[in-house]
């Protein structure tokens, strides 16, 4: 009888642990824990103003080209690999001048885009290695 109680207790603990881990990974994949710093956000704001705002609007609201925030943008990129968006931006933006920014500067602009789509800055820097581990947040 003692063995059965220990088995049930151990099994319950294991299930709770697995469930808790799945919640952590689900939260990461949703975009709510994508790492970037306030410094990256500040740098991204400067680079965006200089290289992106003329086409996408000063507040990412869109203009001559689509908005980089909001429901339409989140519906297009939500659930997609953050690496795919990062690569798309590096290979295509600014229009006709792709590659004019360094990879770090593109990551800073990506941090700005994330912030305008509900992700908050934290203590960990967004790097090229990290973007492969996350998905862009879906519209809520």
N, C-alpha and C. Protein backbone atom coordinates (compact mmCIF):
# COMPACT_ATOMS: atom_id res chain seq x y z
N UNK A 1 0.82 -1.19 0.00
CA UNK A 1 0.00 0.00 0.00
C UNK A 1 0.87 1.26 0.00
N UNK A 2 1.95 1.21 0.78
CA UNK A 2 2.85 2.35 0.85
C UNK A 2 3.46 2.62 -0.53
N UNK A 3 3.79 1.56 -1.25
CA UNK A 3 4.36 1.69 -2.59
C UNK A 3 3.37 2.40 -3.53
N UNK A 4 2.10 2.04 -3.47
CA UNK A 4 1.07 2.63 -4.33
C UNK A 4 0.94 4.12 -4.04
N UNK A 5 0.94 4.51 -2.77
CA UNK A 5 0.83 5.93 -2.41
C UNK A 5 2.04 6.71 -2.92
N UNK A 6 3.23 6.14 -2.77
CA UNK A 6 4.43 6.81 -3.26
C UNK A 6 4.40 6.92 -4.78
N UNK A 7 3.95 5.87 -5.44
CA UNK A 7 3.86 5.88 -6.89
C UNK A 7 2.89 6.97 -7.36
N UNK A 8 1.74 7.07 -6.71
CA UNK A 8 0.75 8.09 -7.08
C UNK A 8 1.31 9.48 -6.82
N UNK A 9 1.97 9.67 -5.68
CA UNK A 9 2.53 10.98 -5.35
C UNK A 9 3.62 11.36 -6.37
N UNK A 10 4.48 10.42 -6.70
CA UNK A 10 5.55 10.68 -7.66
C UNK A 10 4.98 10.96 -9.04
N UNK A 11 4.00 10.18 -9.45
CA UNK A 11 3.37 10.37 -10.76
C UNK A 11 2.70 11.73 -10.84
N UNK A 12 2.02 12.11 -9.80
CA UNK A 12 1.35 13.42 -9.76
C UNK A 12 2.37 14.54 -9.86
N UNK A 13 3.45 14.43 -9.13
CA UNK A 13 4.50 15.45 -9.17
C UNK A 13 5.11 15.56 -10.56
N UNK A 14 5.33 14.42 -11.18
CA UNK A 14 5.90 14.41 -12.52
C UNK A 14 4.95 15.07 -13.52
N UNK A 15 3.68 14.76 -13.45
CA UNK A 15 2.70 15.37 -14.35
C UNK A 15 2.61 16.87 -14.16
N UNK A 16 2.64 17.32 -12.92
CA UNK A 16 2.59 18.76 -12.65
C UNK A 16 3.84 19.44 -13.22
N UNK A 17 4.99 18.82 -13.08
CA UNK A 17 6.24 19.39 -13.61
C UNK A 17 6.19 19.50 -15.13
N UNK A 18 5.74 18.44 -15.78
CA UNK A 18 5.64 18.44 -17.24
C UNK A 18 4.65 19.50 -17.70
N UNK A 19 3.52 19.61 -17.05
CA UNK A 19 2.52 20.61 -17.39
C UNK A 19 3.09 22.01 -17.21
N UNK A 20 3.79 22.25 -16.12
CA UNK A 20 4.39 23.57 -15.86
C UNK A 20 5.40 23.93 -16.93
N UNK A 21 6.24 22.99 -17.32
CA UNK A 21 7.22 23.24 -18.37
C UNK A 21 6.53 23.54 -19.70
N UNK A 22 5.46 22.83 -19.99
CA UNK A 22 4.76 23.09 -21.25
C UNK A 22 4.17 24.48 -21.27
N UNK A 23 3.72 24.98 -20.12
CA UNK A 23 3.21 26.35 -20.05
C UNK A 23 4.32 27.36 -20.30
N UNK A 24 5.50 27.10 -19.76
CA UNK A 24 6.64 28.00 -19.96
C UNK A 24 7.00 28.06 -21.43
N UNK A 25 7.10 26.89 -22.08
CA UNK A 25 7.45 26.89 -23.49
C UNK A 25 6.35 27.49 -24.35
N UNK A 26 5.12 27.29 -24.00
CA UNK A 26 4.01 27.89 -24.75
C UNK A 26 4.06 29.39 -24.63
N UNK A 27 4.39 29.90 -23.45
CA UNK A 27 4.47 31.33 -23.25
C UNK A 27 5.61 31.91 -24.08
N UNK A 28 6.75 31.23 -24.11
CA UNK A 28 7.86 31.70 -24.92
C UNK A 28 7.48 31.73 -26.39
N UNK A 29 6.85 30.69 -26.88
CA UNK A 29 6.50 30.63 -28.29
C UNK A 29 5.48 31.68 -28.67
N UNK A 30 4.67 32.13 -27.73
CA UNK A 30 3.65 33.13 -28.03
C UNK A 30 4.25 34.50 -28.22
N UNK A 31 5.49 34.69 -27.84
CA UNK A 31 6.13 35.98 -28.02
C UNK A 31 6.18 36.82 -26.77
N UNK A 32 5.52 36.40 -25.71
CA UNK A 32 5.46 37.25 -24.53
C UNK A 32 6.78 37.33 -23.79
N UNK A 33 7.70 36.42 -24.03
CA UNK A 33 8.99 36.42 -23.34
C UNK A 33 10.16 36.62 -24.29
N UNK A 34 9.93 37.18 -25.45
CA UNK A 34 11.02 37.40 -26.40
C UNK A 34 11.98 38.42 -25.78
N UNK A 35 13.26 38.06 -25.69
CA UNK A 35 14.18 38.97 -25.03
C UNK A 35 14.68 40.09 -25.93
N UNK A 36 14.65 41.30 -25.41
CA UNK A 36 15.36 42.45 -25.97
C UNK A 36 15.45 43.48 -24.86
N UNK A 37 16.42 44.37 -24.98
CA UNK A 37 16.66 45.33 -23.91
C UNK A 37 16.12 46.71 -24.26
N UNK A 38 16.00 47.54 -23.24
CA UNK A 38 15.58 48.93 -23.43
C UNK A 38 16.59 49.68 -24.30
N UNK A 39 17.85 49.33 -24.16
CA UNK A 39 18.88 49.96 -25.00
C UNK A 39 18.68 49.60 -26.46
N UNK A 40 18.36 48.33 -26.73
CA UNK A 40 18.07 47.94 -28.12
C UNK A 40 16.85 48.68 -28.65
N UNK A 41 15.87 48.85 -27.81
CA UNK A 41 14.66 49.58 -28.21
C UNK A 41 15.01 51.03 -28.55
N UNK A 42 15.84 51.65 -27.74
CA UNK A 42 16.25 53.03 -27.99
C UNK A 42 17.03 53.14 -29.30
N UNK A 43 17.97 52.22 -29.50
CA UNK A 43 18.75 52.22 -30.74
C UNK A 43 17.86 51.92 -31.95
N UNK A 44 16.91 51.00 -31.77
CA UNK A 44 15.99 50.66 -32.85
C UNK A 44 15.12 51.84 -33.24
N UNK A 45 14.72 52.64 -32.24
CA UNK A 45 13.90 53.83 -32.50
C UNK A 45 14.68 54.81 -33.38
N UNK A 46 15.96 54.99 -33.07
CA UNK A 46 16.80 55.90 -33.87
C UNK A 46 16.99 55.39 -35.30
N UNK A 47 17.30 54.12 -35.43
CA UNK A 47 17.52 53.55 -36.76
C UNK A 47 16.23 53.55 -37.58
N UNK A 48 15.11 53.24 -36.91
CA UNK A 48 13.82 53.24 -37.59
C UNK A 48 13.50 54.63 -38.13
N UNK A 49 13.70 55.65 -37.31
CA UNK A 49 13.42 57.02 -37.72
C UNK A 49 14.24 57.40 -38.95
N UNK A 50 15.49 56.96 -38.99
CA UNK A 50 16.38 57.32 -40.08
C UNK A 50 16.16 56.50 -41.35
N UNK A 51 15.73 55.24 -41.21
CA UNK A 51 15.71 54.35 -42.36
C UNK A 51 14.35 53.77 -42.73
N UNK A 52 13.36 53.87 -41.85
CA UNK A 52 12.10 53.15 -42.08
C UNK A 52 10.85 54.04 -42.04
N UNK A 53 10.90 55.08 -41.24
CA UNK A 53 9.70 55.87 -40.97
C UNK A 53 9.10 56.53 -42.21
N UNK A 54 9.93 56.89 -43.16
CA UNK A 54 9.42 57.56 -44.37
C UNK A 54 8.42 56.68 -45.11
N UNK A 55 8.62 55.37 -45.06
CA UNK A 55 7.72 54.45 -45.76
C UNK A 55 6.66 53.83 -44.85
N UNK A 56 7.03 53.52 -43.60
CA UNK A 56 6.13 52.79 -42.70
C UNK A 56 5.49 53.66 -41.62
N UNK A 57 5.74 54.98 -41.66
CA UNK A 57 5.14 55.89 -40.69
C UNK A 57 5.97 56.03 -39.44
N UNK A 58 5.92 57.20 -38.84
CA UNK A 58 6.71 57.51 -37.66
C UNK A 58 6.41 56.64 -36.46
N UNK A 59 5.19 56.14 -36.38
CA UNK A 59 4.78 55.28 -35.26
C UNK A 59 4.47 53.87 -35.73
N UNK A 60 5.07 53.47 -36.85
CA UNK A 60 4.88 52.14 -37.44
C UNK A 60 3.45 51.90 -37.92
N UNK A 61 2.69 52.99 -38.08
CA UNK A 61 1.28 52.90 -38.42
C UNK A 61 1.01 52.66 -39.91
N UNK A 62 2.07 52.70 -40.70
CA UNK A 62 1.90 52.52 -42.13
C UNK A 62 1.82 53.87 -42.82
N UNK A 63 2.00 53.85 -44.09
CA UNK A 63 1.96 55.05 -44.91
C UNK A 63 1.97 54.59 -46.34
N UNK A 64 3.06 54.86 -47.03
CA UNK A 64 3.20 54.38 -48.40
C UNK A 64 3.30 52.85 -48.43
N UNK A 65 3.74 52.29 -47.31
CA UNK A 65 3.87 50.84 -47.18
C UNK A 65 3.15 50.38 -45.92
N UNK A 66 2.95 49.07 -45.74
CA UNK A 66 2.11 48.57 -44.64
C UNK A 66 2.62 48.93 -43.24
N UNK A 67 1.69 48.93 -42.31
CA UNK A 67 2.00 49.13 -40.90
C UNK A 67 2.84 47.96 -40.40
N UNK A 68 3.66 48.24 -39.40
CA UNK A 68 4.50 47.21 -38.80
C UNK A 68 4.02 46.88 -37.39
N UNK A 69 2.79 47.20 -37.13
CA UNK A 69 2.19 46.89 -35.84
C UNK A 69 0.69 46.68 -36.05
N UNK A 70 0.07 46.11 -35.04
CA UNK A 70 -1.37 45.95 -35.09
C UNK A 70 -1.84 44.62 -35.65
N UNK A 71 -3.13 44.52 -35.75
CA UNK A 71 -3.77 43.24 -36.08
C UNK A 71 -3.36 42.69 -37.45
N UNK A 72 -3.34 43.54 -38.46
CA UNK A 72 -2.98 43.04 -39.81
C UNK A 72 -1.55 42.52 -39.83
N UNK A 73 -0.64 43.25 -39.21
CA UNK A 73 0.76 42.80 -39.17
C UNK A 73 0.90 41.53 -38.35
N UNK A 74 0.19 41.48 -37.22
CA UNK A 74 0.25 40.30 -36.36
C UNK A 74 -0.40 39.10 -37.04
N UNK A 75 -1.45 39.33 -37.82
CA UNK A 75 -2.05 38.22 -38.55
C UNK A 75 -1.11 37.67 -39.62
N UNK A 76 -0.33 38.55 -40.24
CA UNK A 76 0.61 38.12 -41.26
C UNK A 76 1.79 37.36 -40.65
N UNK A 77 2.36 37.89 -39.55
CA UNK A 77 3.58 37.33 -38.99
C UNK A 77 3.36 36.51 -37.72
N UNK A 78 2.21 36.64 -37.09
CA UNK A 78 1.95 35.92 -35.84
C UNK A 78 2.08 34.42 -36.00
N UNK A 79 2.83 33.82 -35.11
CA UNK A 79 3.07 32.39 -35.16
C UNK A 79 4.19 31.99 -36.10
N UNK A 80 4.70 32.94 -36.86
CA UNK A 80 5.83 32.66 -37.76
C UNK A 80 7.13 32.78 -36.97
N UNK A 81 8.14 32.12 -37.44
CA UNK A 81 9.45 32.20 -36.79
C UNK A 81 9.94 33.64 -36.79
N UNK A 82 10.41 34.08 -35.65
CA UNK A 82 10.98 35.42 -35.55
C UNK A 82 12.21 35.53 -36.45
N UNK A 83 12.88 34.41 -36.64
CA UNK A 83 14.03 34.38 -37.54
C UNK A 83 13.60 34.69 -38.98
N UNK A 84 12.43 34.21 -39.40
CA UNK A 84 11.94 34.50 -40.75
C UNK A 84 11.72 35.99 -40.94
N UNK A 85 11.12 36.65 -39.94
CA UNK A 85 10.89 38.09 -40.03
C UNK A 85 12.23 38.83 -40.03
N UNK A 86 13.13 38.45 -39.15
CA UNK A 86 14.45 39.07 -39.08
C UNK A 86 15.17 38.95 -40.43
N UNK A 87 15.14 37.77 -41.03
CA UNK A 87 15.79 37.54 -42.32
C UNK A 87 15.12 38.38 -43.41
N UNK A 88 13.78 38.42 -43.40
CA UNK A 88 13.06 39.21 -44.40
C UNK A 88 13.46 40.69 -44.33
N UNK A 89 13.51 41.21 -43.11
CA UNK A 89 13.88 42.62 -42.94
C UNK A 89 15.30 42.86 -43.44
N UNK A 90 16.23 41.99 -43.06
CA UNK A 90 17.63 42.18 -43.48
C UNK A 90 17.79 42.09 -44.99
N UNK A 91 17.04 41.19 -45.62
CA UNK A 91 17.21 40.97 -47.06
C UNK A 91 16.43 41.94 -47.93
N UNK A 92 15.48 42.68 -47.34
CA UNK A 92 14.60 43.52 -48.16
C UNK A 92 14.50 44.98 -47.75
N UNK A 93 14.97 45.33 -46.57
CA UNK A 93 14.76 46.68 -46.06
C UNK A 93 16.07 47.36 -45.72
N UNK A 94 16.09 48.66 -45.85
CA UNK A 94 15.11 49.53 -46.49
C UNK A 94 14.99 49.22 -47.99
N UNK A 95 13.85 49.51 -48.52
CA UNK A 95 13.57 49.20 -49.92
C UNK A 95 14.67 49.77 -50.82
N UNK A 96 15.25 48.90 -51.62
CA UNK A 96 16.31 49.30 -52.53
C UNK A 96 17.67 49.49 -51.86
N UNK A 97 17.73 49.31 -50.54
CA UNK A 97 18.99 49.50 -49.82
C UNK A 97 19.24 48.37 -48.82
N UNK A 98 18.73 47.21 -49.12
CA UNK A 98 18.87 46.07 -48.20
C UNK A 98 20.32 45.88 -47.80
N UNK A 99 20.54 45.62 -46.52
CA UNK A 99 21.88 45.37 -46.02
C UNK A 99 22.63 46.62 -45.61
N UNK A 100 21.99 47.77 -45.69
CA UNK A 100 22.66 49.02 -45.32
C UNK A 100 22.94 49.10 -43.81
N UNK A 101 22.16 48.38 -43.03
CA UNK A 101 22.36 48.35 -41.58
C UNK A 101 23.17 47.11 -41.19
N UNK A 102 23.79 47.17 -40.04
CA UNK A 102 24.49 46.00 -39.52
C UNK A 102 23.45 45.02 -38.97
N UNK A 103 23.85 43.78 -38.73
CA UNK A 103 22.91 42.81 -38.17
C UNK A 103 22.40 43.29 -36.81
N UNK A 104 23.27 43.86 -36.02
CA UNK A 104 22.87 44.39 -34.70
C UNK A 104 21.82 45.49 -34.85
N UNK A 105 21.99 46.36 -35.84
CA UNK A 105 21.02 47.43 -36.06
C UNK A 105 19.67 46.88 -36.53
N UNK A 106 19.71 45.85 -37.37
CA UNK A 106 18.45 45.21 -37.77
C UNK A 106 17.75 44.58 -36.56
N UNK A 107 18.52 43.99 -35.66
CA UNK A 107 17.94 43.42 -34.43
C UNK A 107 17.33 44.52 -33.56
N UNK A 108 17.96 45.68 -33.53
CA UNK A 108 17.42 46.81 -32.77
C UNK A 108 16.09 47.27 -33.35
N UNK A 109 16.01 47.32 -34.67
CA UNK A 109 14.74 47.68 -35.32
C UNK A 109 13.69 46.61 -35.04
N UNK A 110 14.09 45.36 -35.05
CA UNK A 110 13.17 44.28 -34.72
C UNK A 110 12.66 44.43 -33.29
N UNK A 111 13.52 44.84 -32.38
CA UNK A 111 13.10 45.09 -30.99
C UNK A 111 12.02 46.17 -30.95
N UNK A 112 12.18 47.21 -31.76
CA UNK A 112 11.17 48.27 -31.83
C UNK A 112 9.85 47.71 -32.34
N UNK A 113 9.91 46.91 -33.38
CA UNK A 113 8.69 46.31 -33.94
C UNK A 113 8.01 45.43 -32.88
N UNK A 114 8.79 44.65 -32.17
CA UNK A 114 8.23 43.80 -31.11
C UNK A 114 7.56 44.65 -30.03
N UNK A 115 8.20 45.75 -29.65
CA UNK A 115 7.63 46.59 -28.60
C UNK A 115 6.29 47.19 -29.02
N UNK A 116 6.16 47.53 -30.29
CA UNK A 116 4.90 48.09 -30.80
C UNK A 116 3.84 47.01 -31.00
N UNK A 117 4.22 45.77 -30.80
CA UNK A 117 3.27 44.65 -30.92
C UNK A 117 3.10 43.91 -29.60
N UNK A 118 3.32 44.63 -28.50
CA UNK A 118 2.97 44.12 -27.18
C UNK A 118 4.03 43.39 -26.40
N UNK A 119 5.26 43.33 -26.91
CA UNK A 119 6.33 42.66 -26.18
C UNK A 119 7.11 43.71 -25.40
N UNK A 120 7.38 43.43 -24.14
CA UNK A 120 8.08 44.39 -23.28
C UNK A 120 9.57 44.09 -23.22
N UNK A 121 10.35 45.16 -23.12
CA UNK A 121 11.80 45.02 -22.98
C UNK A 121 12.13 44.36 -21.66
N UNK A 122 13.27 43.68 -21.64
CA UNK A 122 13.73 43.02 -20.43
C UNK A 122 15.22 43.23 -20.25
N UNK A 123 15.86 42.27 -19.62
CA UNK A 123 17.28 42.39 -19.30
C UNK A 123 18.18 41.63 -20.26
N UNK A 124 17.61 40.79 -21.10
CA UNK A 124 18.40 39.95 -22.00
C UNK A 124 18.35 40.52 -23.41
N UNK A 125 19.51 40.57 -24.04
CA UNK A 125 19.61 41.15 -25.37
C UNK A 125 19.07 40.19 -26.44
N UNK A 126 18.43 40.74 -27.43
CA UNK A 126 17.99 39.98 -28.61
C UNK A 126 19.20 39.81 -29.52
N UNK A 127 19.51 38.57 -29.84
CA UNK A 127 20.65 38.27 -30.71
C UNK A 127 20.19 37.42 -31.88
N UNK A 128 21.05 37.30 -32.87
CA UNK A 128 20.74 36.46 -34.04
C UNK A 128 20.54 35.01 -33.63
N UNK A 129 21.25 34.56 -32.62
CA UNK A 129 21.09 33.18 -32.16
C UNK A 129 19.74 32.96 -31.49
N UNK A 130 19.22 33.99 -30.85
CA UNK A 130 17.99 33.88 -30.07
C UNK A 130 16.74 33.90 -30.96
N UNK A 131 16.76 34.66 -32.06
CA UNK A 131 15.54 34.81 -32.86
C UNK A 131 14.99 33.49 -33.37
N UNK A 132 15.85 32.50 -33.56
CA UNK A 132 15.40 31.20 -34.06
C UNK A 132 14.54 30.45 -33.03
N UNK A 133 14.62 30.85 -31.77
CA UNK A 133 13.90 30.15 -30.70
C UNK A 133 12.50 30.69 -30.44
N UNK A 134 12.09 31.71 -31.16
CA UNK A 134 10.81 32.37 -30.85
C UNK A 134 9.95 32.55 -32.09
N UNK A 135 8.66 32.73 -31.83
CA UNK A 135 7.70 33.08 -32.88
C UNK A 135 7.22 34.49 -32.64
N UNK A 136 6.84 35.15 -33.73
CA UNK A 136 6.28 36.49 -33.59
C UNK A 136 4.91 36.36 -32.92
N UNK A 137 4.59 37.28 -32.01
CA UNK A 137 3.30 37.16 -31.29
C UNK A 137 2.11 37.31 -32.23
N UNK A 138 1.12 36.46 -32.02
CA UNK A 138 -0.11 36.51 -32.83
C UNK A 138 -1.05 37.59 -32.31
N UNK A 139 -1.95 38.02 -33.14
CA UNK A 139 -2.95 39.02 -32.74
C UNK A 139 -3.77 38.45 -31.60
N UNK A 140 -4.13 39.31 -30.65
CA UNK A 140 -4.89 38.84 -29.49
C UNK A 140 -6.29 39.34 -29.53
